[in-house]
């Protein structure tokens, strides 16, 4: 098991910079997500990359055609 230790400082705005060697190793880019998990007294960090073509990029892209304000009420009341 390889152990890499890097240090970051919490900025005035409570932001933390991921060291460049870690960003490069995991291929992290802008808008990738960081998950913070607290287990007992330890913090575990996981990176979630926003891959090209991922489902998250499709949100809001589906063309539902034109919608009038009353259309939503009609659908809701017909259920």
Protein backbone atom coordinates (compact mmCIF):
# COMPACT_ATOMS: atom_id res chain seq x y z
CA UNK A 1 0.00 0.00 0.00
CA UNK A 2 1.38 3.38 -1.05
CA UNK A 3 0.89 6.22 1.42
CA UNK A 4 0.90 9.80 0.18
CA UNK A 5 0.71 12.59 2.72
CA UNK A 6 -0.04 16.13 1.61
CA UNK A 7 -1.04 19.16 3.63
CA UNK A 8 -3.61 21.85 2.78
CA UNK A 9 -4.71 24.90 4.69
CA UNK A 10 -8.30 26.01 5.27
CA UNK A 11 -8.68 29.47 3.73
CA UNK A 12 -10.55 32.43 5.18
CA UNK A 13 -13.64 31.37 3.20
CA UNK A 14 -13.43 27.82 4.67
CA UNK A 15 -12.17 26.40 1.38
CA UNK A 16 -9.57 23.68 1.00
CA UNK A 17 -7.34 23.24 -2.04
CA UNK A 18 -6.72 19.69 -3.26
CA UNK A 19 -2.94 19.43 -3.80
CA UNK A 20 -1.94 19.26 -7.47
CA UNK A 21 -0.26 15.85 -7.13
CA UNK A 22 -3.53 14.37 -5.82
CA UNK A 23 -5.63 16.14 -8.51
CA UNK A 24 -3.31 14.75 -11.18
CA UNK A 25 -3.24 11.23 -9.75
CA UNK A 26 -7.04 10.99 -9.71
CA UNK A 27 -7.59 13.06 -12.86
CA UNK A 28 -9.73 15.61 -11.04
CA UNK A 29 -11.16 18.55 -12.93
CA UNK A 30 -13.34 21.57 -12.17
CA UNK A 31 -16.88 20.57 -11.08
CA UNK A 32 -15.87 17.07 -9.92
CA UNK A 33 -17.43 16.34 -6.55
CA UNK A 34 -15.84 15.76 -3.15
CA UNK A 35 -17.69 13.57 -0.64
CA UNK A 36 -16.80 14.00 3.05
CA UNK A 37 -17.70 11.09 5.33
CA UNK A 38 -17.23 11.23 9.10
CA UNK A 39 -16.75 7.76 10.59
CA UNK A 40 -16.22 7.87 14.34
CA UNK A 41 -13.45 10.45 14.73
CA UNK A 42 -12.02 10.15 11.21
CA UNK A 43 -12.83 12.03 8.01
CA UNK A 44 -12.78 10.04 4.77
CA UNK A 45 -12.75 11.83 1.42
CA UNK A 46 -13.94 10.39 -1.88
CA UNK A 47 -13.80 12.05 -5.28
CA UNK A 48 -16.59 11.62 -7.81
CA UNK A 49 -15.59 12.56 -11.33
CA UNK A 50 -18.19 14.02 -13.64
CA UNK A 51 -17.42 11.86 -16.64
CA UNK A 52 -18.23 12.98 -20.16
CA UNK A 53 -21.54 11.45 -21.13
CA UNK A 54 -22.55 10.75 -17.54
CA UNK A 55 -26.21 10.81 -16.57
CA UNK A 56 -25.72 13.99 -14.53
CA UNK A 57 -24.95 15.88 -17.74
CA UNK A 58 -28.28 14.86 -19.24
CA UNK A 59 -30.39 16.53 -16.56
CA UNK A 60 -32.34 19.36 -18.16
CA UNK A 61 -31.43 18.28 -21.70
CA UNK A 62 -34.57 16.28 -22.50
CA UNK A 63 -36.85 18.24 -24.80
CA UNK A 64 -40.35 17.99 -23.39
CA UNK A 65 -41.82 20.37 -25.96
CA UNK A 66 -43.51 23.62 -25.04
CA UNK A 67 -45.34 23.77 -21.72
CA UNK A 68 -48.04 26.26 -20.79
CA UNK A 69 -48.60 27.16 -17.11
CA UNK A 70 -51.96 25.32 -17.09
CA UNK A 71 -50.43 22.10 -18.47
CA UNK A 72 -48.87 21.24 -15.12
CA UNK A 73 -52.18 21.64 -13.29
CA UNK A 74 -53.96 19.48 -15.90
CA UNK A 75 -51.45 16.65 -15.48
CA UNK A 76 -51.56 16.88 -11.69
CA UNK A 77 -55.37 16.77 -11.53
CA UNK A 78 -55.73 13.90 -14.02
CA UNK A 79 -53.68 11.52 -11.87
